Amino acid sequence: SDIERAHGWGHGLVQELEFHPPHGLGTSEVEMILLPQADRVEVILEV
């Protein structure tokens, strides 16, 4: 996990989670930025 400064985001910093995927998903890396709320979570998904 890395914390990065991102211009244009409401709070200035974002946390990026980097995942190693299993074979068969057709990707070498999956990254997520999570925007949680009380009962749900929005995900910025990068493949």
ModelCIF file with pLDDT and N, C-alpha, C, O atoms, coordinates in Angstrom:
data_MODEL
#
_entry.id   MODEL 
#
_entity.id                         1 
_entity.type                       polymer 
_entity.pdbx_number_of_molecules   1 
#
_entity_poly.entity_id                      1 
_entity_poly.type                           'polypeptide(L)' 
_entity_poly.nstd_linkage                   no 
_entity_poly.nstd_monomer                   no 
_entity_poly.pdbx_seq_one_letter_code       SDIERAHGWGHGLVQELEFHPPHGLGTSEVEMILLPQADRVEVILEV 
_entity_poly.pdbx_seq_one_letter_code_can   SDIERAHGWGHGLVQELEFHPPHGLGTSEVEMILLPQADRVEVILEV 
_entity_poly.pdbx_strand_id                 A 
#
loop_
_entity_poly_seq.entity_id 
_entity_poly_seq.num 
_entity_poly_seq.mon_id 
_entity_poly_seq.hetero 
1 1  SER n 
1 2  ASP n 
1 3  ILE n 
1 4  GLU n 
1 5  ARG n 
1 6  ALA n 
1 7  HIS n 
1 8  GLY n 
1 9  TRP n 
1 10 GLY n 
1 11 HIS n 
1 12 GLY n 
1 13 LEU n 
1 14 VAL n 
1 15 GLN n 
1 16 GLU n 
1 17 LEU n 
1 18 GLU n 
1 19 PHE n 
1 20 HIS n 
1 21 PRO n 
1 22 PRO n 
1 23 HIS n 
1 24 GLY n 
1 25 LEU n 
1 26 GLY n 
1 27 THR n 
1 28 SER n 
1 29 GLU n 
1 30 VAL n 
1 31 GLU n 
1 32 MET n 
1 33 ILE n 
1 34 LEU n 
1 35 LEU n 
1 36 PRO n 
1 37 GLN n 
1 38 ALA n 
1 39 ASP n 
1 40 ARG n 
1 41 VAL n 
1 42 GLU n 
1 43 VAL n 
1 44 ILE n 
1 45 LEU n 
1 46 GLU n 
1 47 VAL n 
#
_struct_asym.id          A 
_struct_asym.entity_id   1 
#
loop_
_ma_qa_metric.id 
_ma_qa_metric.mode 
_ma_qa_metric.name 
_ma_qa_metric.software_group_id 
_ma_qa_metric.type 
1 global pLDDT . pLDDT 
2 local  pLDDT . pLDDT 
#
_ma_qa_metric_global.metric_id      1 
_ma_qa_metric_global.metric_value   90.43 
_ma_qa_metric_global.model_id       1 
_ma_qa_metric_global.ordinal_id     1 
#
loop_
_ma_qa_metric_local.label_asym_id 
_ma_qa_metric_local.label_comp_id 
_ma_qa_metric_local.label_seq_id 
_ma_qa_metric_local.metric_id 
_ma_qa_metric_local.metric_value 
_ma_qa_metric_local.model_id 
_ma_qa_metric_local.ordinal_id 
A SER 1  2 97.00 1 1  
A ASP 2  2 96.00 1 2  
A ILE 3  2 96.00 1 3  
A GLU 4  2 93.00 1 4  
A ARG 5  2 87.00 1 5  
A ALA 6  2 80.00 1 6  
A HIS 7  2 71.00 1 7  
A GLY 8  2 64.00 1 8  
A TRP 9  2 64.00 1 9  
A GLY 10 2 65.00 1 10 
A HIS 11 2 73.00 1 11 
A GLY 12 2 83.00 1 12 
A LEU 13 2 91.00 1 13 
A VAL 14 2 93.00 1 14 
A GLN 15 2 96.00 1 15 
A GLU 16 2 96.00 1 16 
A LEU 17 2 97.00 1 17 
A GLU 18 2 97.00 1 18 
A PHE 19 2 97.00 1 19 
A HIS 20 2 95.00 1 20 
A PRO 21 2 94.00 1 21 
A PRO 22 2 91.00 1 22 
A HIS 23 2 87.00 1 23 
A GLY 24 2 82.00 1 24 
A LEU 25 2 87.00 1 25 
A GLY 26 2 81.00 1 26 
A THR 27 2 87.00 1 27 
A SER 28 2 87.00 1 28 
A GLU 29 2 92.00 1 29 
A VAL 30 2 95.00 1 30 
A GLU 31 2 96.00 1 31 
A MET 32 2 97.00 1 32 
A ILE 33 2 96.00 1 33 
A LEU 34 2 96.00 1 34 
A LEU 35 2 95.00 1 35 
A PRO 36 2 97.00 1 36 
A GLN 37 2 97.00 1 37 
A ALA 38 2 97.00 1 38 
A ASP 39 2 98.00 1 39 
A ARG 40 2 98.00 1 40 
A VAL 41 2 98.00 1 41 
A GLU 42 2 97.00 1 42 
A VAL 43 2 97.00 1 43 
A ILE 44 2 96.00 1 44 
A LEU 45 2 95.00 1 45 
A GLU 46 2 94.00 1 46 
A VAL 47 2 92.00 1 47 
#
loop_
_atom_site.group_PDB 
_atom_site.id 
_atom_site.type_symbol 
_atom_site.label_atom_id 
_atom_site.label_alt_id 
_atom_site.label_comp_id 
_atom_site.label_asym_id 
_atom_site.label_entity_id 
_atom_site.label_seq_id 
_atom_site.pdbx_PDB_ins_code 
_atom_site.Cartn_x 
_atom_site.Cartn_y 
_atom_site.Cartn_z 
_atom_site.occupancy 
_atom_site.B_iso_or_equiv 
_atom_site.pdbx_formal_charge 
_atom_site.auth_seq_id 
_atom_site.auth_comp_id 
_atom_site.auth_asym_id 
_atom_site.auth_atom_id 
_atom_site.pdbx_PDB_model_num 
ATOM 1   N N  . SER A 1 1  ? 0.851   -1.180  0.000   1.00 97.00 ? 1  SER A N  1 
ATOM 2   C CA . SER A 1 1  ? 0.000   0.000   0.000   1.00 97.00 ? 1  SER A CA 1 
ATOM 3   C C  . SER A 1 1  ? 0.891   1.235   0.000   1.00 97.00 ? 1  SER A C  1 
ATOM 4   O O  . SER A 1 1  ? 1.907   1.285   0.693   1.00 97.00 ? 1  SER A O  1 
ATOM 5   N N  . ASP A 1 2  ? 0.493   2.235   -0.792  1.00 96.00 ? 2  ASP A N  1 
ATOM 6   C CA . ASP A 1 2  ? 1.216   3.499   -0.836  1.00 96.00 ? 2  ASP A CA 1 
ATOM 7   C C  . ASP A 1 2  ? 0.242   4.650   -0.647  1.00 96.00 ? 2  ASP A C  1 
ATOM 8   O O  . ASP A 1 2  ? -0.882  4.617   -1.147  1.00 96.00 ? 2  ASP A O  1 
ATOM 9   N N  . ILE A 1 3  ? 0.687   5.669   0.080   1.00 96.00 ? 3  ILE A N  1 
ATOM 10  C CA . ILE A 1 3  ? -0.064  6.915   0.197   1.00 96.00 ? 3  ILE A CA 1 
ATOM 11  C C  . ILE A 1 3  ? 0.564   7.912   -0.764  1.00 96.00 ? 3  ILE A C  1 
ATOM 12  O O  . ILE A 1 3  ? 1.773   8.140   -0.724  1.00 96.00 ? 3  ILE A O  1 
ATOM 13  N N  . GLU A 1 4  ? -0.248  8.504   -1.624  1.00 93.00 ? 4  GLU A N  1 
ATOM 14  C CA . GLU A 1 4  ? 0.247   9.456   -2.607  1.00 93.00 ? 4  GLU A CA 1 
ATOM 15  C C  . GLU A 1 4  ? -0.572  10.734  -2.571  1.00 93.00 ? 4  GLU A C  1 
ATOM 16  O O  . GLU A 1 4  ? -1.745  10.729  -2.199  1.00 93.00 ? 4  GLU A O  1 
ATOM 17  N N  . ARG A 1 5  ? 0.060   11.816  -2.959  1.00 87.00 ? 5  ARG A N  1 
ATOM 18  C CA . ARG A 1 5  ? -0.645  13.091  -3.057  1.00 87.00 ? 5  ARG A CA 1 
ATOM 19  C C  . ARG A 1 5  ? -1.273  13.190  -4.442  1.00 87.00 ? 5  ARG A C  1 
ATOM 20  O O  . ARG A 1 5  ? -0.598  13.042  -5.460  1.00 87.00 ? 5  ARG A O  1 
ATOM 21  N N  . ALA A 1 6  ? -2.574  13.441  -4.459  1.00 80.00 ? 6  ALA A N  1 
ATOM 22  C CA . ALA A 1 6  ? -3.310  13.474  -5.724  1.00 80.00 ? 6  ALA A CA 1 
ATOM 23  C C  . ALA A 1 6  ? -4.059  14.796  -5.818  1.00 80.00 ? 6  ALA A C  1 
ATOM 24  O O  . ALA A 1 6  ? -4.955  15.065  -5.017  1.00 80.00 ? 6  ALA A O  1 
ATOM 25  N N  . HIS A 1 7  ? -3.698  15.609  -6.779  1.00 71.00 ? 7  HIS A N  1 
ATOM 26  C CA . HIS A 1 7  ? -4.364  16.883  -6.975  1.00 71.00 ? 7  HIS A CA 1 
ATOM 27  C C  . HIS A 1 7  ? -5.772  16.643  -7.543  1.00 71.00 ? 7  HIS A C  1 
ATOM 28  O O  . HIS A 1 7  ? -5.972  15.777  -8.395  1.00 71.00 ? 7  HIS A O  1 
ATOM 29  N N  . GLY A 1 8  ? -6.724  17.416  -7.061  1.00 64.00 ? 8  GLY A N  1 
ATOM 30  C CA . GLY A 1 8  ? -8.092  17.279  -7.535  1.00 64.00 ? 8  GLY A CA 1 
ATOM 31  C C  . GLY A 1 8  ? -8.957  16.409  -6.647  1.00 64.00 ? 8  GLY A C  1 
ATOM 32  O O  . GLY A 1 8  ? -10.175 16.374  -6.817  1.00 64.00 ? 8  GLY A O  1 
ATOM 33  N N  . TRP A 1 9  ? -8.331  15.683  -5.672  1.00 64.00 ? 9  TRP A N  1 
ATOM 34  C CA . TRP A 1 9  ? -9.101  14.887  -4.735  1.00 64.00 ? 9  TRP A CA 1 
ATOM 35  C C  . TRP A 1 9  ? -9.452  15.757  -3.536  1.00 64.00 ? 9  TRP A C  1 
ATOM 36  O O  . TRP A 1 9  ? -8.704  16.663  -3.169  1.00 64.00 ? 9  TRP A O  1 
ATOM 37  N N  . GLY A 1 10 ? -10.596 15.468  -2.935  1.00 65.00 ? 10 GLY A N  1 
ATOM 38  C CA . GLY A 1 10 ? -11.098 16.304  -1.858  1.00 65.00 ? 10 GLY A CA 1 
ATOM 39  C C  . GLY A 1 10 ? -10.165 16.416  -0.671  1.00 65.00 ? 10 GLY A C  1 
ATOM 40  O O  . GLY A 1 10 ? -10.103 17.470  -0.038  1.00 65.00 ? 10 GLY A O  1 
ATOM 41  N N  . HIS A 1 11 ? -9.426  15.339  -0.347  1.00 73.00 ? 11 HIS A N  1 
ATOM 42  C CA . HIS A 1 11 ? -8.607  15.344  0.849   1.00 73.00 ? 11 HIS A CA 1 
ATOM 43  C C  . HIS A 1 11 ? -7.116  15.367  0.540   1.00 73.00 ? 11 HIS A C  1 
ATOM 44  O O  . HIS A 1 11 ? -6.298  15.304  1.458   1.00 73.00 ? 11 HIS A O  1 
ATOM 45  N N  . GLY A 1 12 ? -6.752  15.456  -0.722  1.00 83.00 ? 12 GLY A N  1 
ATOM 46  C CA . GLY A 1 12 ? -5.357  15.658  -1.075  1.00 83.00 ? 12 GLY A CA 1 
ATOM 47  C C  . GLY A 1 12 ? -4.505  14.407  -1.134  1.00 83.00 ? 12 GLY A C  1 
ATOM 48  O O  . GLY A 1 12 ? -3.604  14.321  -1.968  1.00 83.00 ? 12 GLY A O  1 
ATOM 49  N N  . LEU A 1 13 ? -4.768  13.417  -0.260  1.00 91.00 ? 13 LEU A N  1 
ATOM 50  C CA . LEU A 1 13 ? -3.999  12.184  -0.238  1.00 91.00 ? 13 LEU A CA 1 
ATOM 51  C C  . LEU A 1 13 ? -4.904  11.002  -0.571  1.00 91.00 ? 13 LEU A C  1 
ATOM 52  O O  . LEU A 1 13 ? -6.068  10.968  -0.173  1.00 91.00 ? 13 LEU A O  1 
ATOM 53  N N  . VAL A 1 14 ? -4.363  10.043  -1.297  1.00 93.00 ? 14 VAL A N  1 
ATOM 54  C CA . VAL A 1 14 ? -5.099  8.816   -1.587  1.00 93.00 ? 14 VAL A CA 1 
ATOM 55  C C  . VAL A 1 14 ? -4.220  7.624   -1.228  1.00 93.00 ? 14 VAL A C  1 
ATOM 56  O O  . VAL A 1 14 ? -2.992  7.697   -1.272  1.00 93.00 ? 14 VAL A O  1 
ATOM 57  N N  . GLN A 1 15 ? -4.879  6.532   -0.874  1.00 96.00 ? 15 GLN A N  1 
ATOM 58  C CA . GLN A 1 15 ? -4.173  5.297   -0.561  1.00 96.00 ? 15 GLN A CA 1 
ATOM 59  C C  . GLN A 1 15 ? -4.410  4.305   -1.693  1.00 96.00 ? 15 GLN A C  1 
ATOM 60  O O  . GLN A 1 15 ? -5.549  3.964   -2.010  1.00 96.00 ? 15 GLN A O  1 
ATOM 61  N N  . GLU A 1 16 ? -3.323  3.852   -2.291  1.00 96.00 ? 16 GLU A N  1 
ATOM 62  C CA . GLU A 1 16 ? -3.410  2.929   -3.425  1.00 96.00 ? 16 GLU A CA 1 
ATOM 63  C C  . GLU A 1 16 ? -2.956  1.548   -2.984  1.00 96.00 ? 16 GLU A C  1 
ATOM 64  O O  . GLU A 1 16 ? -1.847  1.376   -2.477  1.00 96.00 ? 16 GLU A O  1 
ATOM 65  N N  . LEU A 1 17 ? -3.830  0.563   -3.185  1.00 97.00 ? 17 LEU A N  1 
ATOM 66  C CA . LEU A 1 17 ? -3.520  -0.824  -2.844  1.00 97.00 ? 17 LEU A CA 1 
ATOM 67  C C  . LEU A 1 17 ? -3.135  -1.568  -4.117  1.00 97.00 ? 17 LEU A C  1 
ATOM 68  O O  . LEU A 1 17 ? -3.856  -1.538  -5.114  1.00 97.00 ? 17 LEU A O  1 
ATOM 69  N N  . GLU A 1 18 ? -2.002  -2.225  -4.066  1.00 97.00 ? 18 GLU A N  1 
ATOM 70  C CA . GLU A 1 18 ? -1.486  -2.946  -5.237  1.00 97.00 ? 18 GLU A CA 1 
ATOM 71  C C  . GLU A 1 18 ? -1.600  -4.451  -4.991  1.00 97.00 ? 18 GLU A C  1 
ATOM 72  O O  . GLU A 1 18 ? -1.075  -4.971  -4.006  1.00 97.00 ? 18 GLU A O  1 
ATOM 73  N N  . PHE A 1 19 ? -2.302  -5.153  -5.912  1.00 97.00 ? 19 PHE A N  1 
ATOM 74  C CA . PHE A 1 19 ? -2.550  -6.582  -5.762  1.00 97.00 ? 19 PHE A CA 1 
ATOM 75  C C  . PHE A 1 19 ? -1.864  -7.372  -6.875  1.00 97.00 ? 19 PHE A C  1 
ATOM 76  O O  . PHE A 1 19 ? -1.744  -6.905  -8.007  1.00 97.00 ? 19 PHE A O  1 
ATOM 77  N N  . HIS A 1 20 ? -1.424  -8.557  -6.532  1.00 95.00 ? 20 HIS A N  1 
ATOM 78  C CA . HIS A 1 20 ? -0.942  -9.521  -7.525  1.00 95.00 ? 20 HIS A CA 1 
ATOM 79  C C  . HIS A 1 20 ? -2.102  -10.457 -7.862  1.00 95.00 ? 20 HIS A C  1 
ATOM 80  O O  . HIS A 1 20 ? -2.602  -11.151 -6.977  1.00 95.00 ? 20 HIS A O  1 
ATOM 81  N N  . PRO A 1 21 ? -2.540  -10.490 -9.126  1.00 94.00 ? 21 PRO A N  1 
ATOM 82  C CA . PRO A 1 21 ? -3.715  -11.299 -9.488  1.00 94.00 ? 21 PRO A CA 1 
ATOM 83  C C  . PRO A 1 21 ? -3.339  -12.749 -9.799  1.00 94.00 ? 21 PRO A C  1 
ATOM 84  O O  . PRO A 1 21 ? -2.183  -13.038 -10.111 1.00 94.00 ? 21 PRO A O  1 
ATOM 85  N N  . PRO A 1 22 ? -4.301  -13.650 -9.715  1.00 91.00 ? 22 PRO A N  1 
ATOM 86  C CA . PRO A 1 22 ? -4.062  -15.034 -10.124 1.00 91.00 ? 22 PRO A CA 1 
ATOM 87  C C  . PRO A 1 22 ? -4.057  -15.142 -11.646 1.00 91.00 ? 22 PRO A C  1 
ATOM 88  O O  . PRO A 1 22 ? -4.485  -14.223 -12.344 1.00 91.00 ? 22 PRO A O  1 
ATOM 89  N N  . HIS A 1 23 ? -3.572  -16.264 -12.150 1.00 87.00 ? 23 HIS A N  1 
ATOM 90  C CA . HIS A 1 23 ? -3.610  -16.504 -13.591 1.00 87.00 ? 23 HIS A CA 1 
ATOM 91  C C  . HIS A 1 23 ? -5.065  -16.613 -14.054 1.00 87.00 ? 23 HIS A C  1 
ATOM 92  O O  . HIS A 1 23 ? -5.929  -17.107 -13.330 1.00 87.00 ? 23 HIS A O  1 
ATOM 93  N N  . GLY A 1 24 ? -5.309  -16.149 -15.259 1.00 82.00 ? 24 GLY A N  1 
ATOM 94  C CA . GLY A 1 24 ? -6.636  -16.280 -15.831 1.00 82.00 ? 24 GLY A CA 1 
ATOM 95  C C  . GLY A 1 24 ? -7.434  -14.996 -15.854 1.00 82.00 ? 24 GLY A C  1 
ATOM 96  O O  . GLY A 1 24 ? -8.492  -14.945 -16.482 1.00 82.00 ? 24 GLY A O  1 
ATOM 97  N N  . LEU A 1 25 ? -6.950  -13.935 -15.174 1.00 87.00 ? 25 LEU A N  1 
ATOM 98  C CA . LEU A 1 25 ? -7.671  -12.670 -15.186 1.00 87.00 ? 25 LEU A CA 1 
ATOM 99  C C  . LEU A 1 25 ? -7.212  -11.752 -16.314 1.00 87.00 ? 25 LEU A C  1 
ATOM 100 O O  . LEU A 1 25 ? -7.809  -10.700 -16.543 1.00 87.00 ? 25 LEU A O  1 
ATOM 101 N N  . GLY A 1 26 ? -6.170  -12.141 -17.008 1.00 81.00 ? 26 GLY A N  1 
ATOM 102 C CA . GLY A 1 26 ? -5.712  -11.351 -18.146 1.00 81.00 ? 26 GLY A CA 1 
ATOM 103 C C  . GLY A 1 26 ? -5.062  -10.037 -17.765 1.00 81.00 ? 26 GLY A C  1 
ATOM 104 O O  . GLY A 1 26 ? -5.109  -9.080  -18.538 1.00 81.00 ? 26 GLY A O  1 
ATOM 105 N N  . THR A 1 27 ? -4.459  -9.970  -16.595 1.00 87.00 ? 27 THR A N  1 
ATOM 106 C CA . THR A 1 27 ? -3.807  -8.748  -16.152 1.00 87.00 ? 27 THR A CA 1 
ATOM 107 C C  . THR A 1 27 ? -2.581  -9.097  -15.321 1.00 87.00 ? 27 THR A C  1 
ATOM 108 O O  . THR A 1 27 ? -2.521  -10.154 -14.693 1.00 87.00 ? 27 THR A O  1 
ATOM 109 N N  . SER A 1 28 ? -1.615  -8.205  -15.324 1.00 87.00 ? 28 SER A N  1 
ATOM 110 C CA . SER A 1 28 ? -0.401  -8.444  -14.550 1.00 87.00 ? 28 SER A CA 1 
ATOM 111 C C  . SER A 1 28 ? -0.442  -7.775  -13.189 1.00 87.00 ? 28 SER A C  1 
ATOM 112 O O  . SER A 1 28 ? 0.348   -8.106  -12.304 1.00 87.00 ? 28 SER A O  1 
ATOM 113 N N  . GLU A 1 29 ? -1.376  -6.818  -13.015 1.00 92.00 ? 29 GLU A N  1 
ATOM 114 C CA . GLU A 1 29 ? -1.442  -6.089  -11.751 1.00 92.00 ? 29 GLU A CA 1 
ATOM 115 C C  . GLU A 1 29 ? -2.814  -5.440  -11.612 1.00 92.00 ? 29 GLU A C  1 
ATOM 116 O O  . GLU A 1 29 ? -3.392  -4.981  -12.597 1.00 92.00 ? 29 GLU A O  1 
ATOM 117 N N  . VAL A 1 30 ? -3.324  -5.404  -10.406 1.00 95.00 ? 30 VAL A N  1 
ATOM 118 C CA . VAL A 1 30 ? -4.590  -4.740  -10.099 1.00 95.00 ? 30 VAL A CA 1 
ATOM 119 C C  . VAL A 1 30 ? -4.339  -3.748  -8.973  1.00 95.00 ? 30 VAL A C  1 
ATOM 120 O O  . VAL A 1 30 ? -3.756  -4.096  -7.947  1.00 95.00 ? 30 VAL A O  1 
ATOM 121 N N  . GLU A 1 31 ? -4.784  -2.509  -9.172  1.00 96.00 ? 31 GLU A N  1 
ATOM 122 C CA . GLU A 1 31 ? -4.640  -1.483  -8.139  1.00 96.00 ? 31 GLU A CA 1 
ATOM 123 C C  . GLU A 1 31 ? -6.015  -0.933  -7.779  1.00 96.00 ? 31 GLU A C  1 
ATOM 124 O O  . GLU A 1 31 ? -6.884  -0.800  -8.641  1.00 96.00 ? 31 GLU A O  1 
ATOM 125 N N  . MET A 1 32 ? -6.204  -0.616  -6.510  1.00 97.00 ? 32 MET A N  1 
ATOM 126 C CA . MET A 1 32 ? -7.472  -0.067  -6.042  1.00 97.00 ? 32 MET A CA 1 
ATOM 127 C C  . MET A 1 32 ? -7.235  1.155   -5.171  1.00 97.00 ? 32 MET A C  1 
ATOM 128 O O  . MET A 1 32 ? -6.328  1.179   -4.340  1.00 97.00 ? 32 MET A O  1 
ATOM 129 N N  . ILE A 1 33 ? -8.059  2.157   -5.375  1.00 96.00 ? 33 ILE A N  1 
ATOM 130 C CA . ILE A 1 33 ? -8.175  3.279   -4.449  1.00 96.00 ? 33 ILE A CA 1 
ATOM 131 C C  . ILE A 1 33 ? -9.562  3.175   -3.838  1.00 96.00 ? 33 ILE A C  1 
ATOM 132 O O  . ILE A 1 33 ? -10.557 3.138   -4.563  1.00 96.00 ? 33 ILE A O  1 
ATOM 133 N N  . LEU A 1 34 ? -9.639  3.128   -2.514  1.00 96.00 ? 34 LEU A N  1 
ATOM 134 C CA . LEU A 1 34 ? -10.901 2.907   -1.832  1.00 96.00 ? 34 LEU A CA 1 
ATOM 135 C C  . LEU A 1 34 ? -11.448 4.221   -1.280  1.00 96.00 ? 34 LEU A C  1 
ATOM 136 O O  . LEU A 1 34 ? -10.719 5.021   -0.694  1.00 96.00 ? 34 LEU A O  1 
ATOM 137 N N  . LEU A 1 35 ? -12.749 4.423   -1.483  1.00 95.00 ? 35 LEU A N  1 
ATOM 138 C CA . LEU A 1 35 ? -13.447 5.602   -0.967  1.00 95.00 ? 35 LEU A CA 1 
ATOM 139 C C  . LEU A 1 35 ? -14.599 5.099   -0.103  1.00 95.00 ? 35 LEU A C  1 
ATOM 140 O O  . LEU A 1 35 ? -15.732 5.015   -0.576  1.00 95.00 ? 35 LEU A O  1 
ATOM 141 N N  . PRO A 1 36 ? -14.323 4.760   1.167   1.00 97.00 ? 36 PRO A N  1 
ATOM 142 C CA . PRO A 1 36 ? -15.344 4.135   2.016   1.00 97.00 ? 36 PRO A CA 1 
ATOM 143 C C  . PRO A 1 36 ? -16.405 5.117   2.495   1.00 97.00 ? 36 PRO A C  1 
ATOM 144 O O  . PRO A 1 36 ? -16.172 6.320   2.613   1.00 97.00 ? 36 PRO A O  1 
ATOM 145 N N  . GLN A 1 37 ? -17.576 4.556   2.766   1.00 97.00 ? 37 GLN A N  1 
ATOM 146 C CA . GLN A 1 37 ? -18.650 5.243   3.464   1.00 97.00 ? 37 GLN A CA 1 
ATOM 147 C C  . GLN A 1 37 ? -19.123 4.322   4.583   1.00 97.00 ? 37 GLN A C  1 
ATOM 148 O O  . GLN A 1 37 ? -18.535 3.266   4.813   1.00 97.00 ? 37 GLN A O  1 
ATOM 149 N N  . ALA A 1 38 ? -20.177 4.720   5.271   1.00 97.00 ? 38 ALA A N  1 
ATOM 150 C CA . ALA A 1 38 ? -20.622 3.941   6.422   1.00 97.00 ? 38 ALA A CA 1 
ATOM 151 C C  . ALA A 1 38 ? -21.084 2.541   6.042   1.00 97.00 ? 38 ALA A C  1 
ATOM 152 O O  . ALA A 1 38 ? -20.801 1.586   6.765   1.00 97.00 ? 38 ALA A O  1 
ATOM 153 N N  . ASP A 1 39 ? -21.801 2.399   4.903   1.00 98.00 ? 39 ASP A N  1 
ATOM 154 C CA . ASP A 1 39 ? -22.388 1.102   4.541   1.00 98.00 ? 39 ASP A CA 1 
ATOM 155 C C  . ASP A 1 39 ? -21.998 0.619   3.161   1.00 98.00 ? 39 ASP A C  1 
ATOM 156 O O  . ASP A 1 39 ? -22.557 -0.368  2.682   1.00 98.00 ? 39 ASP A O  1 
ATOM 157 N N  . ARG A 1 40 ? -21.065 1.276   2.509   1.00 98.00 ? 40 ARG A N  1 
ATOM 158 C CA . ARG A 1 40 ? -20.643 0.910   1.153   1.00 98.00 ? 40 ARG A CA 1 
ATOM 159 C C  . ARG A 1 40 ? -19.235 1.434   0.917   1.00 98.00 ? 40 ARG A C  1 
ATOM 160 O O  . ARG A 1 40 ? -18.680 2.155   1.746   1.00 98.00 ? 40 ARG A O  1 
ATOM 161 N N  . VAL A 1 41 ? -18.671 1.067   -0.212  1.00 98.00 ? 41 VAL A N  1 
ATOM 162 C CA . VAL A 1 41 ? -17.350 1.577   -0.559  1.00 98.00 ? 41 VAL A CA 1 
ATOM 163 C C  . VAL A 1 41 ? -17.250 1.720   -2.072  1.00 98.00 ? 41 VAL A C  1 
ATOM 164 O O  . VAL A 1 41 ? -17.577 0.799   -2.820  1.00 98.00 ? 41 VAL A O  1 
ATOM 165 N N  . GLU A 1 42 ? -16.796 2.878   -2.503  1.00 97.00 ? 42 GLU A N  1 
ATOM 166 C CA . GLU A 1 42 ? -16.542 3.094   -3.928  1.00 97.00 ? 42 GLU A CA 1 
ATOM 167 C C  . GLU A 1 42 ? -15.087 2.746   -4.212  1.00 97.00 ? 42 GLU A C  1 
ATOM 168 O O  . GLU A 1 42 ? -14.191 3.038   -3.420  1.00 97.00 ? 42 GLU A O  1 
ATOM 169 N N  . VAL A 1 43 ? -14.877 2.121   -5.354  1.00 97.00 ? 43 VAL A N  1 
ATOM 170 C CA . VAL A 1 43 ? -13.543 1.642   -5.711  1.00 97.00 ? 43 VAL A CA 1 
ATOM 171 C C  . VAL A 1 43 ? -13.122 2.253   -7.042  1.00 97.00 ? 43 VAL A C  1 
ATOM 172 O O  . VAL A 1 43 ? -13.855 2.191   -8.030  1.00 97.00 ? 43 VAL A O  1 
ATOM 173 N N  . ILE A 1 44 ? -11.935 2.843   -7.052  1.00 96.00 ? 44 ILE A N  1 
ATOM 174 C CA . ILE A 1 44 ? -11.287 3.223   -8.306  1.00 96.00 ? 44 ILE A CA 1 
ATOM 175 C C  . ILE A 1 44 ? -10.395 2.046   -8.680  1.00 96.00 ? 44 ILE A C  1 
ATOM 176 O O  . ILE A 1 44 ? -9.387  1.781   -8.024  1.00 96.00 ? 44 ILE A O  1 
ATOM 177 N N  . LEU A 1 45 ? -10.774 1.353   -9.729  1.00 95.00 ? 45 LEU A N  1 
ATOM 178 C CA . LEU A 1 45 ? -10.104 0.112   -10.118 1.00 95.00 ? 45 LEU A CA 1 
ATOM 179 C C  . LEU A 1 45 ? -9.208  0.368   -11.321 1.00 95.00 ? 45 LEU A C  1 
ATOM 180 O O  . LEU A 1 45 ? -9.665  0.855   -12.355 1.00 95.00 ? 45 LEU A O  1 
ATOM 181 N N  . GLU A 1 46 ? -7.929  0.038   -11.176 1.00 94.00 ? 46 GLU A N  1 
ATOM 182 C CA . GLU A 1 46 ? -6.979  0.203   -12.283 1.00 94.00 ? 46 GLU A CA 1 
ATOM 183 C C  . GLU A 1 46 ? -6.372  -1.151  -12.618 1.00 94.00 ? 46 GLU A C  1 
ATOM 184 O O  . GLU A 1 46 ? -5.866  -1.856  -11.746 1.00 94.00 ? 46 GLU A O  1 
ATOM 185 N N  . VAL A 1 47 ? -6.434  -1.498  -13.894 1.00 92.00 ? 47 VAL A N  1 
ATOM 186 C CA . VAL A 1 47 ? -5.937  -2.787  -14.371 1.00 92.00 ? 47 VAL A CA 1 
ATOM 187 C C  . VAL A 1 47 ? -4.740  -2.552  -15.273 1.00 92.00 ? 47 VAL A C  1 
ATOM 188 O O  . VAL A 1 47 ? -4.160  -3.507  -15.789 1.00 92.00 ? 47 VAL A O  1 
#
